Amino acid sequence: MRCDLTGREPGFGKRVSHSHVRTSRRWDPNVQAKRYWLASEGRHIRLRLSAKGIKTVDRIGIEAAVARIRAQGGRP
């Protein structure tokens, strides 16, 4: 699971038990599927965004966010 806007991906590490046995684990980003109205194209687009990505869209607007995603080589 990867954020379309910020590029956040799972982090990997080790879970350490009381006896110090180490096993693998991962930290998943808080990725949500969001649907936005893209007025310039007259259609809805569906994006997979992390919580920080949703806040970024709220701050800069959906048009600027889509332009940023396309500049990174993504396809909204």
PDB file of N, CA and C in Angstrom:
ATOM      1  N   MET A   1       0.840  -1.170   0.000  1.00  0.00           N
ATOM      2  CA  MET A   1       0.000   0.000   0.000  1.00  0.00           C
ATOM      3  C   MET A   1       0.891   1.241   0.000  1.00  0.00           C
ATOM      4  N   ARG A   2       0.659   2.092  -0.982  1.00  0.00           N
ATOM      5  CA  ARG A   2       1.505   3.261  -1.174  1.00  0.00           C
ATOM      6  C   ARG A   2       0.619   4.470  -1.401  1.00  0.00           C
ATOM      7  N   CYS A   3       0.990   5.585  -0.833  1.00  0.00           N
ATOM      8  CA  CYS A   3       0.245   6.829  -1.022  1.00  0.00           C
ATOM      9  C   CYS A   3       0.583   7.403  -2.397  1.00  0.00           C
ATOM     10  N   ASP A   4      -0.453   7.764  -3.170  1.00  0.00           N
ATOM     11  CA  ASP A   4      -0.234   8.307  -4.504  1.00  0.00           C
ATOM     12  C   ASP A   4       0.465   9.660  -4.466  1.00  0.00           C
ATOM     13  N   LEU A   5       0.224  10.454  -3.443  1.00  0.00           N
ATOM     14  CA  LEU A   5       0.747  11.819  -3.394  1.00  0.00           C
ATOM     15  C   LEU A   5       2.091  11.908  -2.673  1.00  0.00           C
ATOM     16  N   THR A   6       2.171  11.372  -1.479  1.00  0.00           N
ATOM     17  CA  THR A   6       3.391  11.514  -0.684  1.00  0.00           C
ATOM     18  C   THR A   6       4.380  10.372  -0.895  1.00  0.00           C
ATOM     19  N   GLY A   7       3.928   9.243  -1.420  1.00  0.00           N
ATOM     20  CA  GLY A   7       4.815   8.102  -1.654  1.00  0.00           C
ATOM     21  C   GLY A   7       5.114   7.283  -0.416  1.00  0.00           C
ATOM     22  N   ARG A   8       4.347   7.498   0.656  1.00  0.00           N
ATOM     23  CA  ARG A   8       4.595   6.749   1.884  1.00  0.00           C
ATOM     24  C   ARG A   8       4.337   5.261   1.664  1.00  0.00           C
ATOM     25  N   GLU A   9       5.256   4.434   2.160  1.00  0.00           N
ATOM     26  CA  GLU A   9       5.181   2.985   2.034  1.00  0.00           C
ATOM     27  C   GLU A   9       5.349   2.356   3.411  1.00  0.00           C
ATOM     28  N   PRO A  10       5.078   1.047   3.519  1.00  0.00           N
ATOM     29  CA  PRO A  10       5.277   0.400   4.820  1.00  0.00           C
ATOM     30  C   PRO A  10       6.735   0.463   5.258  1.00  0.00           C
ATOM     31  N   GLY A  11       6.922   0.602   6.575  1.00  0.00           N
ATOM     32  CA  GLY A  11       8.256   0.531   7.154  1.00  0.00           C
ATOM     33  C   GLY A  11       8.455  -0.861   7.739  1.00  0.00           C
ATOM     34  N   PHE A  12       9.657  -1.350   7.693  1.00  0.00           N
ATOM     35  CA  PHE A  12       9.939  -2.697   8.174  1.00  0.00           C
ATOM     36  C   PHE A  12      10.895  -2.650   9.349  1.00  0.00           C
ATOM     37  N   GLY A  13      10.772  -3.629  10.218  1.00  0.00           N
ATOM     38  CA  GLY A  13      11.635  -3.693  11.386  1.00  0.00           C
ATOM     39  C   GLY A  13      11.466  -5.005  12.101  1.00  0.00           C
ATOM     40  N   LYS A  14      11.813  -5.014  13.362  1.00  0.00           N
ATOM     41  CA  LYS A  14      11.744  -6.233  14.176  1.00  0.00           C
ATOM     42  C   LYS A  14      10.864  -5.996  15.393  1.00  0.00           C
ATOM     43  N   ARG A  15      10.091  -7.002  15.723  1.00  0.00           N
ATOM     44  CA  ARG A  15       9.346  -7.025  16.980  1.00  0.00           C
ATOM     45  C   ARG A  15      10.242  -7.753  17.978  1.00  0.00           C
ATOM     46  N   VAL A  16      10.442  -7.177  19.144  1.00  0.00           N
ATOM     47  CA  VAL A  16      11.341  -7.760  20.147  1.00  0.00           C
ATOM     48  C   VAL A  16      10.502  -8.173  21.353  1.00  0.00           C
ATOM     49  N   SER A  17      10.510  -9.457  21.663  1.00  0.00           N
ATOM     50  CA  SER A  17       9.729  -9.962  22.784  1.00  0.00           C
ATOM     51  C   SER A  17      10.460  -9.738  24.106  1.00  0.00           C
ATOM     52  N   HIS A  18       9.808 -10.108  25.178  1.00  0.00           N
ATOM     53  CA  HIS A  18      10.408  -9.966  26.501  1.00  0.00           C
ATOM     54  C   HIS A  18      11.706 -10.762  26.603  1.00  0.00           C
ATOM     55  N   SER A  19      11.736 -11.943  25.946  1.00  0.00           N
ATOM     56  CA  SER A  19      12.943 -12.768  25.981  1.00  0.00           C
ATOM     57  C   SER A  19      13.952 -12.337  24.905  1.00  0.00           C
ATOM     58  N   HIS A  20      13.674 -11.219  24.232  1.00  0.00           N
ATOM     59  CA  HIS A  20      14.544 -10.622  23.219  1.00  0.00           C
ATOM     60  C   HIS A  20      14.618 -11.435  21.928  1.00  0.00           C
ATOM     61  N   VAL A  21      13.599 -12.248  21.669  1.00  0.00           N
ATOM     62  CA  VAL A  21      13.503 -12.945  20.388  1.00  0.00           C
ATOM     63  C   VAL A  21      12.997 -11.932  19.371  1.00  0.00           C
ATOM     64  N   ARG A  22      13.696 -11.840  18.228  1.00  0.00           N
ATOM     65  CA  ARG A  22      13.332 -10.855  17.224  1.00  0.00           C
ATOM     66  C   ARG A  22      12.605 -11.524  16.060  1.00  0.00           C
ATOM     67  N   THR A  23      11.443 -10.974  15.708  1.00  0.00           N
ATOM     68  CA  THR A  23      10.685 -11.436  14.556  1.00  0.00           C
ATOM     69  C   THR A  23      10.333 -10.220  13.702  1.00  0.00           C
ATOM     70  N   SER A  24      10.116 -10.461  12.429  1.00  0.00           N
ATOM     71  CA  SER A  24       9.855  -9.368  11.497  1.00  0.00           C
ATOM     72  C   SER A  24       8.461  -8.798  11.693  1.00  0.00           C
ATOM     73  N   ARG A  25       8.331  -7.502  11.453  1.00  0.00           N
ATOM     74  CA  ARG A  25       7.030  -6.841  11.474  1.00  0.00           C
ATOM     75  C   ARG A  25       7.061  -5.681  10.498  1.00  0.00           C
ATOM     76  N   ARG A  26       5.912  -5.083  10.258  1.00  0.00           N
ATOM     77  CA  ARG A  26       5.848  -3.927   9.373  1.00  0.00           C
ATOM     78  C   ARG A  26       4.875  -2.894   9.913  1.00  0.00           C
ATOM     79  N   TRP A  27       5.187  -1.646   9.639  1.00  0.00           N
ATOM     80  CA  TRP A  27       4.323  -0.528  10.010  1.00  0.00           C
ATOM     81  C   TRP A  27       3.657  -0.044   8.730  1.00  0.00           C
ATOM     82  N   ASP A  28       2.358  -0.237   8.620  1.00  0.00           N
ATOM     83  CA  ASP A  28       1.640   0.198   7.429  1.00  0.00           C
ATOM     84  C   ASP A  28       1.208   1.651   7.569  1.00  0.00           C
ATOM     85  N   PRO A  29       1.315   2.427   6.482  1.00  0.00           N
ATOM     86  CA  PRO A  29       0.811   3.804   6.538  1.00  0.00           C
ATOM     87  C   PRO A  29      -0.711   3.797   6.545  1.00  0.00           C
ATOM     88  N   ASN A  30      -1.307   4.865   7.040  1.00  0.00           N
ATOM     89  CA  ASN A  30      -2.761   4.976   7.121  1.00  0.00           C
ATOM     90  C   ASN A  30      -3.291   5.409   5.758  1.00  0.00           C
ATOM     91  N   VAL A  31      -3.414   4.439   4.834  1.00  0.00           N
ATOM     92  CA  VAL A  31      -3.818   4.722   3.457  1.00  0.00           C
ATOM     93  C   VAL A  31      -5.326   4.514   3.324  1.00  0.00           C
ATOM     94  N   GLN A  32      -5.990   5.539   2.768  1.00  0.00           N
ATOM     95  CA  GLN A  32      -7.440   5.510   2.559  1.00  0.00           C
ATOM     96  C   GLN A  32      -7.722   5.705   1.075  1.00  0.00           C
ATOM     97  N   ALA A  33      -8.806   5.110   0.598  1.00  0.00           N
ATOM     98  CA  ALA A  33      -9.268   5.349  -0.773  1.00  0.00           C
ATOM     99  C   ALA A  33     -10.230   6.534  -0.731  1.00  0.00           C
ATOM    100  N   LYS A  34      -9.904   7.609  -1.456  1.00  0.00           N
ATOM    101  CA  LYS A  34     -10.734   8.817  -1.475  1.00  0.00           C
ATOM    102  C   LYS A  34     -11.137   9.128  -2.911  1.00  0.00           C
ATOM    103  N   ARG A  35     -12.352   9.653  -3.049  1.00  0.00           N
ATOM    104  CA  ARG A  35     -12.860  10.040  -4.357  1.00  0.00           C
ATOM    105  C   ARG A  35     -13.034  11.554  -4.377  1.00  0.00           C
ATOM    106  N   TYR A  36     -12.456  12.194  -5.382  1.00  0.00           N
ATOM    107  CA  TYR A  36     -12.515  13.647  -5.500  1.00  0.00           C
ATOM    108  C   TYR A  36     -13.120  14.026  -6.852  1.00  0.00           C
ATOM    109  N   TRP A  37     -13.795  15.173  -6.893  1.00  0.00           N
ATOM    110  CA  TRP A  37     -14.325  15.711  -8.134  1.00  0.00           C
ATOM    111  C   TRP A  37     -13.245  16.585  -8.766  1.00  0.00           C
ATOM    112  N   LEU A  38     -12.849  16.236  -9.976  1.00  0.00           N
ATOM    113  CA  LEU A  38     -11.849  16.992 -10.714  1.00  0.00           C
ATOM    114  C   LEU A  38     -12.588  17.864 -11.725  1.00  0.00           C
ATOM    115  N   ALA A  39     -12.792  19.127 -11.376  1.00  0.00           N
ATOM    116  CA  ALA A  39     -13.643  20.021 -12.175  1.00  0.00           C
ATOM    117  C   ALA A  39     -13.063  20.290 -13.558  1.00  0.00           C
ATOM    118  N   SER A  40     -11.740  20.358 -13.667  1.00  0.00           N
ATOM    119  CA  SER A  40     -11.123  20.680 -14.955  1.00  0.00           C
ATOM    120  C   SER A  40     -11.387  19.597 -16.001  1.00  0.00           C
ATOM    121  N   GLU A  41     -11.570  18.349 -15.558  1.00  0.00           N
ATOM    122  CA  GLU A  41     -11.836  17.247 -16.484  1.00  0.00           C
ATOM    123  C   GLU A  41     -13.286  16.790 -16.440  1.00  0.00           C
ATOM    124  N   GLY A  42     -14.073  17.347 -15.517  1.00  0.00           N
ATOM    125  CA  GLY A  42     -15.483  17.001 -15.425  1.00  0.00           C
ATOM    126  C   GLY A  42     -15.738  15.562 -15.022  1.00  0.00           C
ATOM    127  N   ARG A  43     -14.908  15.034 -14.131  1.00  0.00           N
ATOM    128  CA  ARG A  43     -15.066  13.635 -13.706  1.00  0.00           C
ATOM    129  C   ARG A  43     -14.542  13.456 -12.287  1.00  0.00           C
ATOM    130  N   HIS A  44     -14.907  12.318 -11.693  1.00  0.00           N
ATOM    131  CA  HIS A  44     -14.378  11.942 -10.386  1.00  0.00           C
ATOM    132  C   HIS A  44     -13.091  11.158 -10.595  1.00  0.00           C
ATOM    133  N   ILE A  45     -12.179  11.300  -9.641  1.00  0.00           N
ATOM    134  CA  ILE A  45     -10.980  10.462  -9.633  1.00  0.00           C
ATOM    135  C   ILE A  45     -10.872   9.806  -8.264  1.00  0.00           C
ATOM    136  N   ARG A  46     -10.325   8.614  -8.245  1.00  0.00           N
ATOM    137  CA  ARG A  46     -10.151   7.874  -7.008  1.00  0.00           C
ATOM    138  C   ARG A  46      -8.652   7.798  -6.710  1.00  0.00           C
ATOM    139  N   LEU A  47      -8.269   8.255  -5.523  1.00  0.00           N
ATOM    140  CA  LEU A  47      -6.873   8.257  -5.116  1.00  0.00           C
ATOM    141  C   LEU A  47      -6.699   7.434  -3.853  1.00  0.00           C
ATOM    142  N   ARG A  48      -5.540   6.814  -3.707  1.00  0.00           N
ATOM    143  CA  ARG A  48      -5.178   6.127  -2.464  1.00  0.00           C
ATOM    144  C   ARG A  48      -4.199   7.036  -1.741  1.00  0.00           C
ATOM    145  N   LEU A  49      -4.678   7.658  -0.678  1.00  0.00           N
ATOM    146  CA  LEU A  49      -3.896   8.677   0.021  1.00  0.00           C
ATOM    147  C   LEU A  49      -3.684   8.302   1.477  1.00  0.00           C
ATOM    148  N   SER A  50      -2.513   8.660   1.997  1.00  0.00           N
ATOM    149  CA  SER A  50      -2.266   8.540   3.427  1.00  0.00           C
ATOM    150  C   SER A  50      -2.976   9.684   4.125  1.00  0.00           C
ATOM    151  N   ALA A  51      -3.026   9.650   5.443  1.00  0.00           N
ATOM    152  CA  ALA A  51      -3.671  10.713   6.201  1.00  0.00           C
ATOM    153  C   ALA A  51      -2.986  12.046   5.921  1.00  0.00           C
ATOM    154  N   LYS A  52      -1.666  12.053   5.812  1.00  0.00           N
ATOM    155  CA  LYS A  52      -0.949  13.283   5.485  1.00  0.00           C
ATOM    156  C   LYS A  52      -1.254  13.725   4.064  1.00  0.00           C
ATOM    157  N   GLY A  53      -1.430  12.780   3.142  1.00  0.00           N
ATOM    158  CA  GLY A  53      -1.781  13.124   1.766  1.00  0.00           C
ATOM    159  C   GLY A  53      -3.146  13.784   1.669  1.00  0.00           C
ATOM    160  N   ILE A  54      -4.118  13.326   2.481  1.00  0.00           N
ATOM    161  CA  ILE A  54      -5.449  13.929   2.502  1.00  0.00           C
ATOM    162  C   ILE A  54      -5.362  15.371   3.005  1.00  0.00           C
ATOM    163  N   LYS A  55      -4.557  15.592   4.047  1.00  0.00           N
ATOM    164  CA  LYS A  55      -4.378  16.951   4.563  1.00  0.00           C
ATOM    165  C   LYS A  55      -3.694  17.845   3.534  1.00  0.00           C
ATOM    166  N   THR A  56      -2.768  17.283   2.766  1.00  0.00           N
ATOM    167  CA  THR A  56      -2.091  18.053   1.729  1.00  0.00           C
ATOM    168  C   THR A  56      -3.070  18.470   0.638  1.00  0.00           C
ATOM    169  N   VAL A  57      -3.963  17.557   0.236  1.00  0.00           N
ATOM    170  CA  VAL A  57      -4.981  17.886  -0.765  1.00  0.00           C
ATOM    171  C   VAL A  57      -5.900  18.973  -0.234  1.00  0.00           C
ATOM    172  N   ASP A  58      -6.264  18.896   1.039  1.00  0.00           N
ATOM    173  CA  ASP A  58      -7.108  19.935   1.633  1.00  0.00           C
ATOM    174  C   ASP A  58      -6.406  21.299   1.609  1.00  0.00           C
ATOM    175  N   ARG A  59      -5.094  21.303   1.767  1.00  0.00           N
ATOM    176  CA  ARG A  59      -4.349  22.553   1.833  1.00  0.00           C
ATOM    177  C   ARG A  59      -4.098  23.152   0.440  1.00  0.00           C
ATOM    178  N   ILE A  60      -3.623  22.327  -0.524  1.00  0.00           N
ATOM    179  CA  ILE A  60      -3.231  22.873  -1.830  1.00  0.00           C
ATOM    180  C   ILE A  60      -4.318  22.756  -2.882  1.00  0.00           C
ATOM    181  N   GLY A  61      -5.336  21.930  -2.647  1.00  0.00           N
ATOM    182  CA  GLY A  61      -6.407  21.752  -3.624  1.00  0.00           C
ATOM    183  C   GLY A  61      -6.177  20.524  -4.486  1.00  0.00           C
ATOM    184  N   ILE A  62      -7.270  19.997  -5.021  1.00  0.00           N
ATOM    185  CA  ILE A  62      -7.191  18.748  -5.789  1.00  0.00           C
ATOM    186  C   ILE A  62      -6.486  18.955  -7.127  1.00  0.00           C
ATOM    187  N   GLU A  63      -6.667  20.115  -7.763  1.00  0.00           N
ATOM    188  CA  GLU A  63      -6.030  20.367  -9.064  1.00  0.00           C
ATOM    189  C   GLU A  63      -4.510  20.361  -8.928  1.00  0.00           C
ATOM    190  N   ALA A  64      -3.985  21.049  -7.915  1.00  0.00           N
ATOM    191  CA  ALA A  64      -2.542  21.090  -7.696  1.00  0.00           C
ATOM    192  C   ALA A  64      -2.016  19.720  -7.281  1.00  0.00           C
ATOM    193  N   ALA A  65      -2.805  18.977  -6.503  1.00  0.00           N
ATOM    194  CA  ALA A  65      -2.374  17.641  -6.070  1.00  0.00           C
ATOM    195  C   ALA A  65      -2.278  16.691  -7.260  1.00  0.00           C
ATOM    196  N   VAL A  66      -3.257  16.745  -8.163  1.00  0.00           N
ATOM    197  CA  VAL A  66      -3.225  15.889  -9.359  1.00  0.00           C
ATOM    198  C   VAL A  66      -2.055  16.276 -10.249  1.00  0.00           C
ATOM    199  N   ALA A  67      -1.776  17.566 -10.371  1.00  0.00           N
ATOM    200  CA  ALA A  67      -0.624  18.008 -11.161  1.00  0.00           C
ATOM    201  C   ALA A  67       0.671  17.477 -10.559  1.00  0.00           C
ATOM    202  N   ARG A  68       0.756  17.474  -9.230  1.00  0.00           N
ATOM    203  CA  ARG A  68       1.952  16.973  -8.550  1.00  0.00           C
ATOM    204  C   ARG A  68       2.097  15.466  -8.749  1.00  0.00           C
ATOM    205  N   ILE A  69       0.988  14.720  -8.682  1.00  0.00           N
ATOM    206  CA  ILE A  69       1.025  13.269  -8.882  1.00  0.00           C
ATOM    207  C   ILE A  69       1.466  12.948 -10.302  1.00  0.00           C
ATOM    208  N   ARG A  70       0.924  13.680 -11.266  1.00  0.00           N
ATOM    209  CA  ARG A  70       1.296  13.437 -12.678  1.00  0.00           C
ATOM    210  C   ARG A  70       2.759  13.814 -12.938  1.00  0.00           C
ATOM    211  N   ALA A  71       3.262  14.848 -12.267  1.00  0.00           N
ATOM    212  CA  ALA A  71       4.670  15.234 -12.431  1.00  0.00           C
ATOM    213  C   ALA A  71       5.603  14.158 -11.886  1.00  0.00           C
ATOM    214  N   GLN A  72       5.134  13.416 -10.867  1.00  0.00           N
ATOM    215  CA  GLN A  72       5.933  12.323 -10.300  1.00  0.00           C
ATOM    216  C   GLN A  72       5.845  11.057 -11.139  1.00  0.00           C
ATOM    217  N   GLY A  73       5.022  11.074 -12.179  1.00  0.00           N
ATOM    218  CA  GLY A  73       4.877   9.898 -13.044  1.00  0.00           C
ATOM    219  C   GLY A  73       3.722   9.010 -12.654  1.00  0.00           C
ATOM    220  N   GLY A  74       2.894   9.461 -11.712  1.00  0.00           N
ATOM    221  CA  GLY A  74       1.725   8.690 -11.307  1.00  0.00           C
ATOM    222  C   GLY A  74       0.563   8.908 -12.249  1.00  0.00           C
ATOM    223  N   ARG A  75      -0.454   8.105 -12.111  1.00  0.00           N
ATOM    224  CA  ARG A  75      -1.622   8.179 -12.962  1.00  0.00           C
ATOM    225  C   ARG A  75      -2.875   8.208 -12.112  1.00  0.00           C
ATOM    226  N   PRO A  76      -3.490   9.388 -11.896  1.00  0.00           N
ATOM    227  CA  PRO A  76      -4.718   9.426 -11.078  1.00  0.00           C
ATOM    228  C   PRO A  76      -5.939   9.003 -11.866  1.00  0.00           C
TER     229      PRO A  76
END
